[in-house]
Protein backbone atom coordinates (compact mmCIF):
# COMPACT_ATOMS: atom_id res chain seq x y z
CA UNK A 1 -0.06 -0.04 0.00
CA UNK A 2 2.75 2.42 0.89
CA UNK A 3 4.64 1.80 -2.41
CA UNK A 4 1.49 2.28 -4.41
CA UNK A 5 0.61 5.59 -2.53
CA UNK A 6 4.23 6.73 -3.17
CA UNK A 7 3.65 6.09 -6.91
CA UNK A 8 0.67 8.35 -6.89
CA UNK A 9 -2.25 5.92 -6.64
CA UNK A 10 -5.23 7.05 -4.64
CA UNK A 11 -6.65 5.17 -1.66
CA UNK A 12 -9.77 4.50 -3.64
CA UNK A 13 -7.71 2.73 -6.28
CA UNK A 14 -5.70 0.68 -3.76
CA UNK A 15 -8.72 -0.32 -1.59
CA UNK A 16 -10.21 -3.05 -3.87
CA UNK A 17 -6.82 -4.97 -3.64
CA UNK A 18 -6.68 -4.95 0.13
CA UNK A 19 -8.20 -7.82 2.05
CA UNK A 20 -8.84 -8.07 5.76
CA UNK A 21 -7.04 -11.27 6.91
CA UNK A 22 -8.80 -12.02 10.28
CA UNK A 23 -11.75 -11.09 12.38
CA UNK A 24 -15.43 -10.48 11.85
CA UNK A 25 -14.77 -8.77 8.37
CA UNK A 26 -12.31 -11.41 7.15
CA UNK A 27 -12.05 -11.58 3.43
CA UNK A 28 -13.59 -8.06 2.94
CA UNK A 29 -12.00 -4.74 1.87
CA UNK A 30 -11.17 -2.32 4.63
CA UNK A 31 -13.08 0.89 4.80
CA UNK A 32 -11.51 4.14 3.57
CA UNK A 33 -11.23 5.45 7.19
CA UNK A 34 -9.33 2.42 8.26
CA UNK A 35 -6.87 2.90 5.40
CA UNK A 36 -6.28 6.55 6.06
CA UNK A 37 -5.90 5.74 9.85
CA UNK A 38 -3.16 3.15 9.02
CA UNK A 39 -1.42 5.59 6.76
CA UNK A 40 -1.58 8.19 9.47
CA UNK A 41 -0.24 5.81 12.11
CA UNK A 42 2.60 4.78 9.79
CA UNK A 43 3.53 8.40 9.23
CA UNK A 44 3.62 9.16 12.90
CA UNK A 45 5.78 6.05 13.56
CA UNK A 46 8.23 7.20 10.91
CA UNK A 47 8.24 10.77 12.35
CA UNK A 48 8.75 9.74 15.94
CA UNK A 49 10.58 6.40 16.03
CA UNK A 50 12.01 6.95 19.48
CA UNK A 51 8.54 7.51 20.97
CA UNK A 52 7.24 4.45 19.35
CA UNK A 53 10.18 2.34 20.57
CA UNK A 54 9.71 3.63 24.05
CA UNK A 55 5.93 2.98 23.99
CA UNK A 56 6.62 -0.62 23.07
CA UNK A 57 9.18 -0.93 25.84
CA UNK A 58 6.74 0.53 28.41
CA UNK A 59 3.95 -1.72 27.18
CA UNK A 60 6.11 -4.73 27.51
CA UNK A 61 7.15 -3.77 30.99
CA UNK A 62 3.47 -3.30 32.03
CA UNK A 63 2.60 -6.79 30.63
CA UNK A 64 5.42 -8.34 32.67
CA UNK A 65 4.23 -6.52 35.84
CA UNK A 66 0.74 -7.73 35.43
CA UNK A 67 1.85 -11.32 35.16
CA UNK A 68 4.01 -11.22 38.34
CA UNK A 69 1.45 -9.37 40.51
CA UNK A 70 -0.97 -11.42 42.59
CA UNK A 71 -4.69 -10.98 41.86
CA UNK A 72 -6.65 -8.82 44.47
CA UNK A 73 -9.55 -10.52 46.24
């Protein structure tokens, strides 16, 4: 999708070739809003790679904490 956008294709032209691989809408095309959201998230990740890496590290740490803490009654 990124390569095709870089080559000047519109989201509307790309959309029919995209297929949702899992979930309730498996096998269908994503909505335009979903495609634009994915493009926006990718752009942010490219703009702020350090912030994305830190967020992943923080999330992994939280997951580890949740595993090791006993459940409250």
